[in-house]
Amino acid sequence: MKITTREVVFGLLILVALVALRVFWPTVKAEKIPSPTVKVTAIDSTACIAPTEYMRSHHMQLLNEWRNTGARDNRPYVNAAGKKFQKSLDTCLGCHSNNTYFCISCHQYANAKPNCWNCHLSPLDKP
């Protein structure tokens, strides 16, 4: 059986049409995930180590820095206002102890999987 050029071209056209259908007419629609809601409790904003917007975008960099320098460098963290804080996750959890709102909901929204709780006991797990 000999395959003609016409049959090869016809087969390639069908293949291109099927691929184009799959690309331009997706069958799976992404579900819209609602933005996380954070319960704002009566946290004294002057007690925070940095402004809210900064912490929302840079908290992991700060926590990584504290993790890397906290054990070796016993000096406290000094914020822009000159207030001193101990480099510890407990410093954050002192005000933000509601793990469901301050950690879980935002990390699920961002599909982030932080490894904090590999070493630290989650506030949800504390007796």
C-alpha atoms as a PDB file:
ATOM      1  CA  MET A   1       0.000   0.000   0.000  1.00  0.00           C
ATOM      2  CA  LYS A   2       1.484   3.263  -1.085  1.00  0.00           C
ATOM      3  CA  ILE A   3       0.692   6.511   0.754  1.00  0.00           C
ATOM      4  CA  THR A   4       0.222   9.470  -1.544  1.00  0.00           C
ATOM      5  CA  THR A   5       1.254  13.052  -0.899  1.00  0.00           C
ATOM      6  CA  ARG A   6      -2.408  14.021  -0.862  1.00  0.00           C
ATOM      7  CA  GLU A   7      -3.083  11.604   2.030  1.00  0.00           C
ATOM      8  CA  VAL A   8      -0.073  12.894   4.022  1.00  0.00           C
ATOM      9  CA  VAL A   9      -1.191  16.503   3.577  1.00  0.00           C
ATOM     10  CA  PHE A  10      -4.769  15.567   4.534  1.00  0.00           C
ATOM     11  CA  GLY A  11      -3.504  13.767   7.663  1.00  0.00           C
ATOM     12  CA  LEU A  12      -1.346  16.734   8.654  1.00  0.00           C
ATOM     13  CA  LEU A  13      -4.285  19.107   8.194  1.00  0.00           C
ATOM     14  CA  ILE A  14      -6.428  16.961  10.504  1.00  0.00           C
ATOM     15  CA  LEU A  15      -3.615  16.883  13.075  1.00  0.00           C
ATOM     16  CA  VAL A  16      -3.190  20.683  12.941  1.00  0.00           C
ATOM     17  CA  ALA A  17      -6.967  21.149  13.238  1.00  0.00           C
ATOM     18  CA  LEU A  18      -7.134  18.900  16.322  1.00  0.00           C
ATOM     19  CA  VAL A  19      -4.210  20.672  17.984  1.00  0.00           C
ATOM     20  CA  ALA A  20      -5.722  24.077  17.170  1.00  0.00           C
ATOM     21  CA  LEU A  21      -9.059  22.972  18.618  1.00  0.00           C
ATOM     22  CA  ARG A  22      -7.378  21.899  21.852  1.00  0.00           C
ATOM     23  CA  VAL A  23      -5.376  25.127  22.137  1.00  0.00           C
ATOM     24  CA  PHE A  24      -8.060  27.635  21.188  1.00  0.00           C
ATOM     25  CA  TRP A  25     -11.059  25.878  22.721  1.00  0.00           C
ATOM     26  CA  PRO A  26      -9.974  24.678  26.160  1.00  0.00           C
ATOM     27  CA  THR A  27     -12.306  22.242  27.833  1.00  0.00           C
ATOM     28  CA  VAL A  28     -11.184  23.009  31.381  1.00  0.00           C
ATOM     29  CA  LYS A  29     -12.048  26.372  32.833  1.00  0.00           C
ATOM     30  CA  ALA A  30     -10.063  27.689  35.767  1.00  0.00           C
ATOM     31  CA  GLU A  31     -12.154  28.265  38.826  1.00  0.00           C
ATOM     32  CA  LYS A  32     -12.059  31.729  40.283  1.00  0.00           C
ATOM     33  CA  ILE A  33     -10.649  31.613  43.790  1.00  0.00           C
ATOM     34  CA  PRO A  34     -11.912  34.301  46.141  1.00  0.00           C
ATOM     35  CA  SER A  35      -9.327  36.571  47.723  1.00  0.00           C
ATOM     36  CA  PRO A  36      -8.433  35.615  51.275  1.00  0.00           C
ATOM     37  CA  THR A  37     -10.164  37.455  54.045  1.00  0.00           C
ATOM     38  CA  VAL A  38      -8.047  38.436  56.996  1.00  0.00           C
ATOM     39  CA  LYS A  39      -9.816  39.194  60.225  1.00  0.00           C
ATOM     40  CA  VAL A  40      -8.340  42.375  61.545  1.00  0.00           C
ATOM     41  CA  THR A  41      -8.118  42.147  65.278  1.00  0.00           C
ATOM     42  CA  ALA A  42      -7.168  44.904  67.669  1.00  0.00           C
ATOM     43  CA  ILE A  43      -3.468  44.811  66.850  1.00  0.00           C
ATOM     44  CA  ASP A  44      -1.528  47.882  67.840  1.00  0.00           C
ATOM     45  CA  SER A  45      -0.015  49.032  64.526  1.00  0.00           C
ATOM     46  CA  THR A  46       2.854  50.692  66.363  1.00  0.00           C
ATOM     47  CA  ALA A  47       3.822  47.265  67.736  1.00  0.00           C
ATOM     48  CA  CYS A  48       4.289  45.804  64.237  1.00  0.00           C
ATOM     49  CA  ILE A  49       7.787  45.506  62.901  1.00  0.00           C
ATOM     50  CA  ALA A  50       6.865  47.064  59.531  1.00  0.00           C
ATOM     51  CA  PRO A  51       3.850  48.557  57.717  1.00  0.00           C
ATOM     52  CA  THR A  52       1.145  46.111  56.606  1.00  0.00           C
ATOM     53  CA  GLU A  53       1.737  46.483  52.861  1.00  0.00           C
ATOM     54  CA  TYR A  54       5.461  45.880  53.270  1.00  0.00           C
ATOM     55  CA  MET A  55       4.862  42.775  55.377  1.00  0.00           C
ATOM     56  CA  ARG A  56       2.343  41.343  52.904  1.00  0.00           C
ATOM     57  CA  SER A  57       4.918  41.386  50.142  1.00  0.00           C
ATOM     58  CA  HIS A  58       8.176  40.865  52.057  1.00  0.00           C
ATOM     59  CA  HIS A  59       7.395  38.715  55.104  1.00  0.00           C
ATOM     60  CA  MET A  60       9.130  35.620  53.731  1.00  0.00           C
ATOM     61  CA  GLN A  61      12.332  37.543  52.984  1.00  0.00           C
ATOM     62  CA  LEU A  62      12.296  38.901  56.526  1.00  0.00           C
ATOM     63  CA  LEU A  63      11.581  35.476  58.048  1.00  0.00           C
ATOM     64  CA  ASN A  64      14.342  33.879  55.958  1.00  0.00           C
ATOM     65  CA  GLU A  65      16.787  36.568  57.064  1.00  0.00           C
ATOM     66  CA  TRP A  66      15.793  36.037  60.695  1.00  0.00           C
ATOM     67  CA  ARG A  67      16.135  32.277  60.303  1.00  0.00           C
ATOM     68  CA  ASN A  68      19.613  32.615  58.819  1.00  0.00           C
ATOM     69  CA  THR A  69      20.939  35.247  61.227  1.00  0.00           C
ATOM     70  CA  GLY A  70      18.853  34.807  64.364  1.00  0.00           C
ATOM     71  CA  ALA A  71      20.704  31.848  65.835  1.00  0.00           C
ATOM     72  CA  ARG A  72      24.189  33.171  65.066  1.00  0.00           C
ATOM     73  CA  ASP A  73      23.623  36.884  65.479  1.00  0.00           C
ATOM     74  CA  ASN A  74      22.160  37.722  68.872  1.00  0.00           C
ATOM     75  CA  ARG A  75      21.506  41.353  67.926  1.00  0.00           C
ATOM     76  CA  PRO A  76      17.840  42.382  67.764  1.00  0.00           C
ATOM     77  CA  TYR A  77      16.074  43.486  64.611  1.00  0.00           C
ATOM     78  CA  VAL A  78      15.588  47.277  64.564  1.00  0.00           C
ATOM     79  CA  ASN A  79      12.738  48.591  62.428  1.00  0.00           C
ATOM     80  CA  ALA A  80      12.538  51.955  60.659  1.00  0.00           C
ATOM     81  CA  ALA A  81      11.048  53.593  63.780  1.00  0.00           C
ATOM     82  CA  GLY A  82      14.012  52.409  65.864  1.00  0.00           C
ATOM     83  CA  LYS A  83      12.021  49.815  67.823  1.00  0.00           C
ATOM     84  CA  LYS A  84      13.856  46.572  68.631  1.00  0.00           C
ATOM     85  CA  PHE A  85      12.463  43.068  68.121  1.00  0.00           C
ATOM     86  CA  GLN A  86      13.820  39.615  68.866  1.00  0.00           C
ATOM     87  CA  LYS A  87      14.529  37.657  65.655  1.00  0.00           C
ATOM     88  CA  SER A  88      12.046  34.876  66.249  1.00  0.00           C
ATOM     89  CA  LEU A  89       8.867  33.512  64.761  1.00  0.00           C
ATOM     90  CA  ASP A  90       7.426  33.932  68.251  1.00  0.00           C
ATOM     91  CA  THR A  91       7.753  37.707  67.793  1.00  0.00           C
ATOM     92  CA  CYS A  92       5.314  37.507  64.866  1.00  0.00           C
ATOM     93  CA  LEU A  93       3.043  34.965  66.524  1.00  0.00           C
ATOM     94  CA  GLY A  94       2.762  37.196  69.586  1.00  0.00           C
ATOM     95  CA  CYS A  95       0.242  39.336  67.688  1.00  0.00           C
ATOM     96  CA  HIS A  96      -0.575  37.131  64.704  1.00  0.00           C
ATOM     97  CA  SER A  97      -1.361  33.915  66.518  1.00  0.00           C
ATOM     98  CA  ASN A  98      -4.458  33.141  64.467  1.00  0.00           C
ATOM     99  CA  ASN A  99      -2.759  30.826  61.983  1.00  0.00           C
ATOM    100  CA  THR A 100      -5.989  30.243  60.030  1.00  0.00           C
ATOM    101  CA  TYR A 101      -6.218  33.896  59.025  1.00  0.00           C
ATOM    102  CA  PHE A 102      -2.628  35.077  58.975  1.00  0.00           C
ATOM    103  CA  CYS A 103      -1.009  32.049  57.377  1.00  0.00           C
ATOM    104  CA  ILE A 104      -3.254  29.386  55.945  1.00  0.00           C
ATOM    105  CA  SER A 105      -5.789  31.439  53.966  1.00  0.00           C
ATOM    106  CA  CYS A 106      -3.185  33.614  52.218  1.00  0.00           C
ATOM    107  CA  HIS A 107      -0.815  30.750  51.492  1.00  0.00           C
ATOM    108  CA  GLN A 108      -3.640  28.668  50.031  1.00  0.00           C
ATOM    109  CA  TYR A 109      -4.661  31.626  47.873  1.00  0.00           C
ATOM    110  CA  ALA A 110      -1.084  32.081  46.621  1.00  0.00           C
ATOM    111  CA  ASN A 111      -0.557  28.305  46.345  1.00  0.00           C
ATOM    112  CA  ALA A 112       2.525  28.722  48.515  1.00  0.00           C
ATOM    113  CA  LYS A 113       3.819  25.921  50.662  1.00  0.00           C
ATOM    114  CA  PRO A 114       6.012  27.478  53.361  1.00  0.00           C
ATOM    115  CA  ASN A 115       8.176  25.152  55.402  1.00  0.00           C
ATOM    116  CA  CYS A 116       7.853  27.070  58.689  1.00  0.00           C
ATOM    117  CA  TRP A 117       5.865  24.314  60.331  1.00  0.00           C
ATOM    118  CA  ASN A 118       8.427  21.646  59.464  1.00  0.00           C
ATOM    119  CA  CYS A 119      10.407  22.853  62.481  1.00  0.00           C
ATOM    120  CA  HIS A 120       8.011  25.110  64.384  1.00  0.00           C
ATOM    121  CA  LEU A 121       4.855  23.939  66.114  1.00  0.00           C
ATOM    122  CA  SER A 122       1.885  25.562  64.422  1.00  0.00           C
ATOM    123  CA  PRO A 123      -0.344  27.701  66.661  1.00  0.00           C
ATOM    124  CA  LEU A 124      -3.182  25.393  65.617  1.00  0.00           C
ATOM    125  CA  ASP A 125      -1.304  22.435  67.080  1.00  0.00           C
ATOM    126  CA  LYS A 126      -0.302  24.006  70.381  1.00  0.00           C
ATOM    127  CA  PRO A 127      -2.033  22.426  73.406  1.00  0.00           C
END
